[in-house]
Amino acid sequence: MKKTTIGAMAFMISAMGAQAQTAVNMIGFGGGTNLPVWSAIDRGFFEKEGLKVSLDRTPGSFEQIRDLMEGKYQFATTAFDNIVAHTEGQGSAKYDNFDLVAIGGVHSGLNSVVSSKDVKTFADIKGKAVAVDSPTSGYATVLYQILQNKGIMKERDYKIISVGGTGARVKALKDGTAGMAIISSPEDMELKKEGFNLLADAAVEIGAYQGSVYAVRRSYAKTNDKEVQAFMRAMVRAHDFVFNDKAGAIGVLKARIKGISDEAAEDMWTRLTGPGGLNPKAAVNEKGVVMVLQLRSVYGDSKVPQAQGSKYMELGWQKAAAK
């Protein structure tokens, strides 16, 4: 009887724990920069905070923002510039009730400028096309600026084709539709192995930059403060894990990226934790925010005064979690 009672109590406690998990949906892009989220899922950081998080991959920023605004997802990893653009009415679609804000930093622009096999230098892109997610998306503006720094001018020296997310841009390079694109890891390294050219590290070329961020709608956060707090505690812990447990982080990469070799996984970890890589403690790169706003003021559909970055961020949850 005693054993039965203990067993029943254990079952009840287990069931109560399962019931305590709040399910939330998250949407992001592909690539190794998902390592903190993968770690939070695989190592149980979300679970310890009472969350059950699923991560879906979006085909592009247009679909991602649409799905967030329709309430299909509660959290996202998205380019900080996407938030700025849509807040200012310059995004891929118009939303009267757009209220997405950044709540933490993912990385500081970890992408490569990749070109087709016949485009061996920046100058070789003249007369050809560059592939972007959407014409005014964040990494598109980064590419425009890098090219301008090389003396290659937007709308004069090359064409712009809008194809969607990383997978679509890789396809555009492979089928010859485009001669250049911004590509994230590990796809950039795979393209290099196939003979494509890595012309530059975007973070090195552009300087301080706030790339992807963790984001949530203000309307959701207003009524789900507990969940947002829990999410950011898990993400701060996940970023700490990636930086401090190399072997563990590499293990997550190998489990999540099919066919990746030990050497490639270690190279990716080194890049993710190096300059322009993942943001320590999921903090926002404040100097990088300034760069995003500068690029938006230059390449946005309509020129708007550069606002304070605080207009697009709510960082209280991250700062509390980091303590």
Protein backbone atom coordinates (compact mmCIF):
# COMPACT_ATOMS: atom_id res chain seq x y z
CA MET A 1 0.00 0.00 0.00
CA LYS A 2 2.81 2.34 0.89
CA LYS A 3 4.56 1.69 -2.43
CA THR A 4 1.32 2.26 -4.30
CA THR A 5 0.71 5.53 -2.47
CA ILE A 6 4.24 6.76 -3.18
CA GLY A 7 3.88 5.76 -6.82
CA ALA A 8 0.54 7.54 -7.09
CA MET A 9 1.98 10.67 -5.50
CA ALA A 10 4.94 10.61 -7.91
CA PHE A 11 2.56 10.31 -10.83
CA MET A 12 0.46 13.22 -9.56
CA ILE A 13 3.54 15.40 -9.10
CA SER A 14 4.72 14.50 -12.61
CA ALA A 15 1.30 15.28 -14.05
CA MET A 16 1.17 18.60 -12.20
CA GLY A 17 4.61 19.47 -13.64
CA ALA A 18 3.43 18.64 -17.13
CA GLN A 19 0.31 20.75 -16.69
CA ALA A 20 2.43 23.67 -15.50
CA GLN A 21 4.19 23.91 -18.87
CA THR A 22 2.80 26.81 -20.90
CA ALA A 23 2.99 26.10 -24.62
CA VAL A 24 4.19 28.99 -26.77
CA ASN A 25 5.04 29.08 -30.47
CA MET A 26 8.16 30.70 -31.89
CA ILE A 27 9.15 31.48 -35.46
CA GLY A 28 12.57 32.28 -36.88
CA PHE A 29 14.92 31.77 -39.79
CA GLY A 30 17.29 28.89 -40.44
CA GLY A 31 20.98 28.73 -39.63
CA GLY A 32 23.42 28.21 -36.81
CA THR A 33 22.39 31.42 -35.07
CA ASN A 34 19.47 29.36 -33.72
CA LEU A 35 21.98 27.67 -31.41
CA PRO A 36 20.78 29.48 -28.23
CA VAL A 37 17.14 28.58 -28.94
CA TRP A 38 18.05 24.99 -29.80
CA SER A 39 20.05 24.84 -26.57
CA ALA A 40 17.17 26.23 -24.53
CA ILE A 41 14.89 23.55 -25.98
CA ASP A 42 17.29 20.60 -25.95
CA ARG A 43 18.88 21.34 -22.55
CA GLY A 44 15.57 22.01 -20.83
CA PHE A 45 16.08 25.71 -20.06
CA PHE A 46 12.58 26.58 -21.28
CA GLU A 47 11.09 23.63 -19.43
CA LYS A 48 12.70 24.75 -16.16
CA GLU A 49 11.01 28.11 -16.65
CA GLY A 50 7.61 26.51 -17.16
CA LEU A 51 7.51 26.89 -20.94
CA LYS A 52 7.10 24.40 -23.76
CA VAL A 53 8.51 26.16 -26.83
CA SER A 54 8.24 25.02 -30.44
CA LEU A 55 10.38 26.68 -33.12
CA ASP A 56 9.21 26.87 -36.74
CA ARG A 57 11.20 28.12 -39.71
CA THR A 58 9.73 30.90 -41.84
CA PRO A 59 10.33 31.13 -45.60
CA GLY A 60 10.83 34.90 -45.41
CA SER A 61 10.27 38.09 -43.43
CA PHE A 62 6.93 38.85 -45.12
CA GLU A 63 5.46 35.54 -43.99
CA GLN A 64 7.03 35.81 -40.55
CA ILE A 65 5.57 39.23 -39.75
CA ARG A 66 2.19 38.21 -41.17
CA ASP A 67 2.05 35.10 -38.99
CA LEU A 68 3.09 37.04 -35.90
CA MET A 69 0.44 39.67 -36.50
CA GLU A 70 -2.18 36.95 -37.01
CA GLY A 71 -1.31 35.52 -33.60
CA LYS A 72 0.05 32.19 -34.85
CA TYR A 73 3.29 32.80 -32.95
CA GLN A 74 4.07 34.55 -29.69
CA PHE A 75 7.85 34.91 -29.97
CA ALA A 76 10.26 35.37 -32.85
CA THR A 77 13.85 35.79 -33.84
CA THR A 78 13.88 38.43 -36.56
CA ALA A 79 16.12 41.15 -37.88
CA PHE A 80 15.96 44.24 -35.69
CA ASP A 81 15.56 46.24 -38.88
CA ASN A 82 12.31 44.39 -39.61
CA ILE A 83 10.86 45.86 -36.44
CA VAL A 84 12.10 49.36 -37.29
CA ALA A 85 10.82 49.17 -40.87
CA HIS A 86 7.33 47.96 -39.98
CA THR A 87 7.01 50.40 -37.09
CA GLU A 88 7.76 53.21 -39.53
CA GLY A 89 5.39 51.85 -42.20
CA GLN A 90 8.26 50.79 -44.46
CA GLY A 91 7.92 47.03 -44.10
CA SER A 92 6.88 44.35 -46.56
CA ALA A 93 3.24 44.96 -45.61
CA LYS A 94 1.29 47.61 -43.72
CA TYR A 95 -0.25 46.92 -40.29
CA ASP A 96 -2.24 49.56 -38.46
CA ASN A 97 -1.77 47.68 -35.20
CA PHE A 98 1.90 46.73 -35.58
CA ASP A 99 3.37 46.42 -32.09
CA LEU A 100 6.31 44.03 -32.34
CA VAL A 101 9.28 45.02 -30.15
CA ALA A 102 12.76 43.66 -29.50
CA ILE A 103 13.23 42.16 -26.04
CA GLY A 104 16.79 40.85 -26.43
CA GLY A 105 19.66 40.46 -28.86
CA VAL A 106 20.48 37.29 -30.81
CA HIS A 107 23.56 38.29 -32.78
CA SER A 108 25.40 41.31 -34.15
CA GLY A 109 25.16 40.73 -37.89
CA LEU A 110 26.62 37.26 -38.32
CA ASN A 111 26.32 36.83 -42.11
CA SER A 112 28.57 36.53 -45.14
CA VAL A 113 28.49 38.21 -48.53
CA VAL A 114 28.47 35.21 -50.88
CA SER A 115 28.83 35.43 -54.65
CA SER A 116 28.44 33.04 -57.55
CA LYS A 117 31.45 31.24 -58.97
CA ASP A 118 31.95 33.80 -61.74
CA VAL A 119 31.68 36.81 -59.40
CA LYS A 120 35.11 36.69 -57.81
CA THR A 121 35.30 40.33 -56.67
CA PHE A 122 32.77 42.97 -55.67
CA ALA A 123 33.35 44.76 -58.97
CA ASP A 124 32.22 41.66 -60.86
CA ILE A 125 28.63 42.16 -59.66
CA LYS A 126 28.18 45.15 -61.97
CA GLY A 127 25.42 44.47 -64.46
CA LYS A 128 24.22 41.44 -62.53
CA ALA A 129 21.58 40.87 -59.83
CA VAL A 130 21.78 40.61 -56.06
CA ALA A 131 19.22 38.49 -54.19
CA VAL A 132 17.58 39.87 -51.04
CA ASP A 133 14.76 38.82 -48.73
CA SER A 134 12.73 41.92 -49.54
CA PRO A 135 14.09 45.17 -51.05
CA THR A 136 14.01 47.09 -47.76
CA SER A 137 14.76 44.28 -45.30
CA GLY A 138 17.59 44.71 -42.81
CA TYR A 139 20.21 42.52 -44.44
CA ALA A 140 19.36 43.99 -47.82
CA THR A 141 20.33 47.42 -46.52
CA VAL A 142 23.55 45.92 -45.14
CA LEU A 143 24.42 44.55 -48.58
CA TYR A 144 23.62 47.88 -50.27
CA GLN A 145 25.93 49.69 -47.85
CA ILE A 146 28.77 47.20 -48.25
CA LEU A 147 28.53 47.53 -52.02
CA GLN A 148 28.42 51.31 -51.78
CA ASN A 149 31.55 51.22 -49.64
CA LYS A 150 33.19 49.40 -52.56
CA GLY A 151 32.05 52.10 -55.00
CA ILE A 152 29.16 50.03 -56.39
CA MET A 153 25.93 51.99 -56.33
CA LYS A 154 22.39 50.76 -55.75
CA GLU A 155 20.05 51.02 -58.78
CA ARG A 156 22.95 52.04 -61.00
CA ASP A 157 25.39 49.15 -61.04
CA TYR A 158 23.26 46.10 -60.22
CA LYS A 159 19.68 44.80 -60.15
CA ILE A 160 17.81 43.78 -57.00
CA ILE A 161 15.60 40.70 -56.91
CA SER A 162 13.42 39.84 -53.92
CA VAL A 163 13.35 36.08 -53.32
CA GLY A 164 12.82 35.49 -49.57
CA GLY A 165 14.82 33.87 -46.77
CA THR A 166 18.23 32.22 -46.72
CA GLY A 167 17.11 29.07 -48.51
CA ALA A 168 15.65 31.06 -51.38
CA ARG A 169 18.79 33.20 -51.66
CA VAL A 170 20.97 30.09 -51.78
CA LYS A 171 18.78 28.76 -54.58
CA ALA A 172 19.10 32.05 -56.48
CA LEU A 173 22.88 31.75 -56.32
CA LYS A 174 22.88 28.13 -57.40
CA ASP A 175 20.51 28.54 -60.34
CA GLY A 176 22.26 31.67 -61.58
CA THR A 177 19.35 34.02 -60.92
CA ALA A 178 21.59 36.17 -58.73
CA GLY A 179 25.31 36.79 -58.51
CA MET A 180 25.45 37.85 -54.86
CA ALA A 181 23.53 37.60 -51.60
CA ILE A 182 23.83 37.85 -47.84
CA ILE A 183 23.88 34.29 -46.47
CA SER A 184 23.91 33.05 -42.87
CA SER A 185 25.78 30.06 -41.45
CA PRO A 186 26.05 27.15 -42.01
CA GLU A 187 24.79 27.73 -45.55
CA ASP A 188 27.60 30.19 -46.31
CA MET A 189 30.25 27.62 -45.40
CA GLU A 190 28.49 24.94 -47.44
CA LEU A 191 28.45 27.24 -50.46
CA LYS A 192 32.16 27.90 -50.04
CA LYS A 193 32.81 24.15 -50.16
CA GLU A 194 30.85 24.01 -53.42
CA GLY A 195 33.04 26.65 -55.03
CA PHE A 196 31.07 29.81 -54.34
CA ASN A 197 32.97 32.86 -53.10
CA LEU A 198 32.83 34.31 -49.58
CA LEU A 199 33.75 37.91 -50.32
CA ALA A 200 33.28 39.39 -46.86
CA ASP A 201 32.06 38.97 -43.32
CA ALA A 202 29.15 41.41 -43.08
CA ALA A 203 29.88 42.26 -39.44
CA VAL A 204 33.47 43.17 -40.27
CA GLU A 205 32.51 45.27 -43.29
CA ILE A 206 29.64 47.19 -41.73
CA GLY A 207 30.99 47.64 -38.20
CA ALA A 208 28.73 47.58 -35.13
CA TYR A 209 25.34 46.22 -36.12
CA GLN A 210 22.36 44.73 -34.31
CA GLY A 211 21.31 41.77 -36.41
CA SER A 212 18.59 39.44 -35.19
CA VAL A 213 16.67 40.01 -31.97
CA TYR A 214 14.18 38.17 -29.83
CA ALA A 215 10.82 39.82 -30.32
CA VAL A 216 7.27 39.78 -28.99
CA ARG A 217 4.14 41.84 -29.56
CA ARG A 218 3.44 44.46 -26.91
CA SER A 219 -0.21 43.35 -26.80
CA TYR A 220 0.86 39.78 -25.95
CA ALA A 221 3.41 40.89 -23.37
CA LYS A 222 0.85 43.12 -21.66
CA THR A 223 -1.27 40.12 -20.70
CA ASN A 224 1.49 37.51 -20.52
CA ASP A 225 4.24 39.19 -18.53
CA LYS A 226 5.09 35.97 -16.68
CA GLU A 227 5.71 34.11 -19.93
CA VAL A 228 7.90 36.87 -21.35
CA GLN A 229 9.95 36.95 -18.16
CA ALA A 230 10.36 33.17 -18.30
CA PHE A 231 11.34 33.28 -21.97
CA MET A 232 14.09 35.81 -21.41
CA ARG A 233 15.44 34.01 -18.34
CA ALA A 234 15.77 30.88 -20.46
CA MET A 235 17.43 32.77 -23.32
CA VAL A 236 19.97 34.51 -21.09
CA ARG A 237 20.84 31.13 -19.63
CA ALA A 238 21.09 29.65 -23.14
CA HIS A 239 23.47 32.37 -24.32
CA ASP A 240 25.60 31.80 -21.20
CA PHE A 241 25.62 28.07 -21.97
CA VAL A 242 26.78 28.60 -25.57
CA PHE A 243 29.66 30.86 -24.51
CA ASN A 244 30.73 28.86 -21.44
CA ASP A 245 30.19 25.22 -22.47
CA LYS A 246 31.93 24.71 -25.79
CA ALA A 247 31.55 20.93 -25.84
CA GLY A 248 27.89 21.11 -24.88
CA ALA A 249 27.13 23.78 -27.48
CA ILE A 250 28.93 21.83 -30.21
CA GLY A 251 26.88 18.80 -29.19
CA VAL A 252 23.68 20.76 -29.79
CA LEU A 253 24.94 21.91 -33.20
CA LYS A 254 25.73 18.35 -34.23
CA ALA A 255 22.33 17.14 -33.09
CA ARG A 256 20.49 19.91 -34.92
CA ILE A 257 22.44 20.29 -38.19
CA LYS A 258 22.30 17.10 -40.19
CA GLY A 259 25.65 15.83 -41.43
CA ILE A 260 27.80 18.57 -39.92
CA SER A 261 31.35 17.38 -39.24
CA ASP A 262 33.21 17.82 -35.96
CA GLU A 263 35.51 20.35 -37.62
CA ALA A 264 32.66 22.36 -39.14
CA ALA A 265 30.76 22.37 -35.85
CA GLU A 266 33.80 23.69 -34.01
CA ASP A 267 34.39 26.33 -36.67
CA MET A 268 30.78 27.43 -36.37
CA TRP A 269 30.98 27.65 -32.58
CA THR A 270 34.13 29.77 -32.91
CA ARG A 271 32.40 32.11 -35.31
CA LEU A 272 29.21 32.30 -33.26
CA THR A 273 31.14 33.29 -30.14
CA GLY A 274 33.54 35.63 -31.95
CA PRO A 275 33.30 39.25 -33.16
CA GLY A 276 29.91 40.06 -34.65
CA GLY A 277 28.54 36.79 -33.32
CA LEU A 278 25.99 35.95 -30.65
CA ASN A 279 25.21 38.66 -28.13
CA PRO A 280 26.49 37.81 -24.62
CA LYS A 281 23.59 37.36 -22.20
CA ALA A 282 21.17 38.03 -25.06
CA ALA A 283 21.78 41.77 -24.61
CA VAL A 284 21.10 44.22 -27.42
CA ASN A 285 24.12 45.76 -29.15
CA GLU A 286 23.37 49.44 -28.55
CA LYS A 287 25.99 50.74 -30.98
CA GLY A 288 24.60 48.29 -33.51
CA VAL A 289 21.12 49.73 -33.04
CA VAL A 290 22.45 53.13 -34.08
CA MET A 291 23.87 51.61 -37.29
CA VAL A 292 20.54 49.96 -38.12
CA LEU A 293 18.75 53.28 -37.76
CA GLN A 294 21.34 55.03 -39.91
CA LEU A 295 20.93 52.47 -42.69
CA ARG A 296 17.14 52.67 -42.43
CA SER A 297 17.29 56.46 -42.81
CA VAL A 298 19.34 56.02 -46.00
CA TYR A 299 17.65 53.04 -47.65
CA GLY A 300 14.11 53.16 -46.30
CA ASP A 301 11.18 53.65 -48.66
CA SER A 302 10.58 57.05 -47.13
CA LYS A 303 13.08 59.05 -45.17
CA VAL A 304 12.09 59.42 -41.53
CA PRO A 305 14.02 61.13 -38.72
CA GLN A 306 16.25 58.75 -36.81
CA ALA A 307 14.35 57.92 -33.68
CA GLN A 308 15.82 56.72 -30.42
CA GLY A 309 16.26 52.98 -30.45
CA SER A 310 14.08 52.71 -27.34
CA LYS A 311 11.07 53.25 -29.59
CA TYR A 312 11.53 49.72 -30.94
CA MET A 313 12.67 47.88 -27.79
CA GLU A 314 11.49 46.78 -24.36
CA LEU A 315 14.62 45.54 -22.61
CA GLY A 316 13.48 45.34 -19.00
CA TRP A 317 12.96 41.58 -19.13
CA GLN A 318 16.46 40.92 -20.48
CA LYS A 319 18.11 43.20 -17.96
CA ALA A 320 16.24 41.58 -15.08
CA ALA A 321 17.17 38.12 -16.34
CA ALA A 322 20.84 39.08 -16.77
CA LYS A 323 21.04 39.98 -13.07
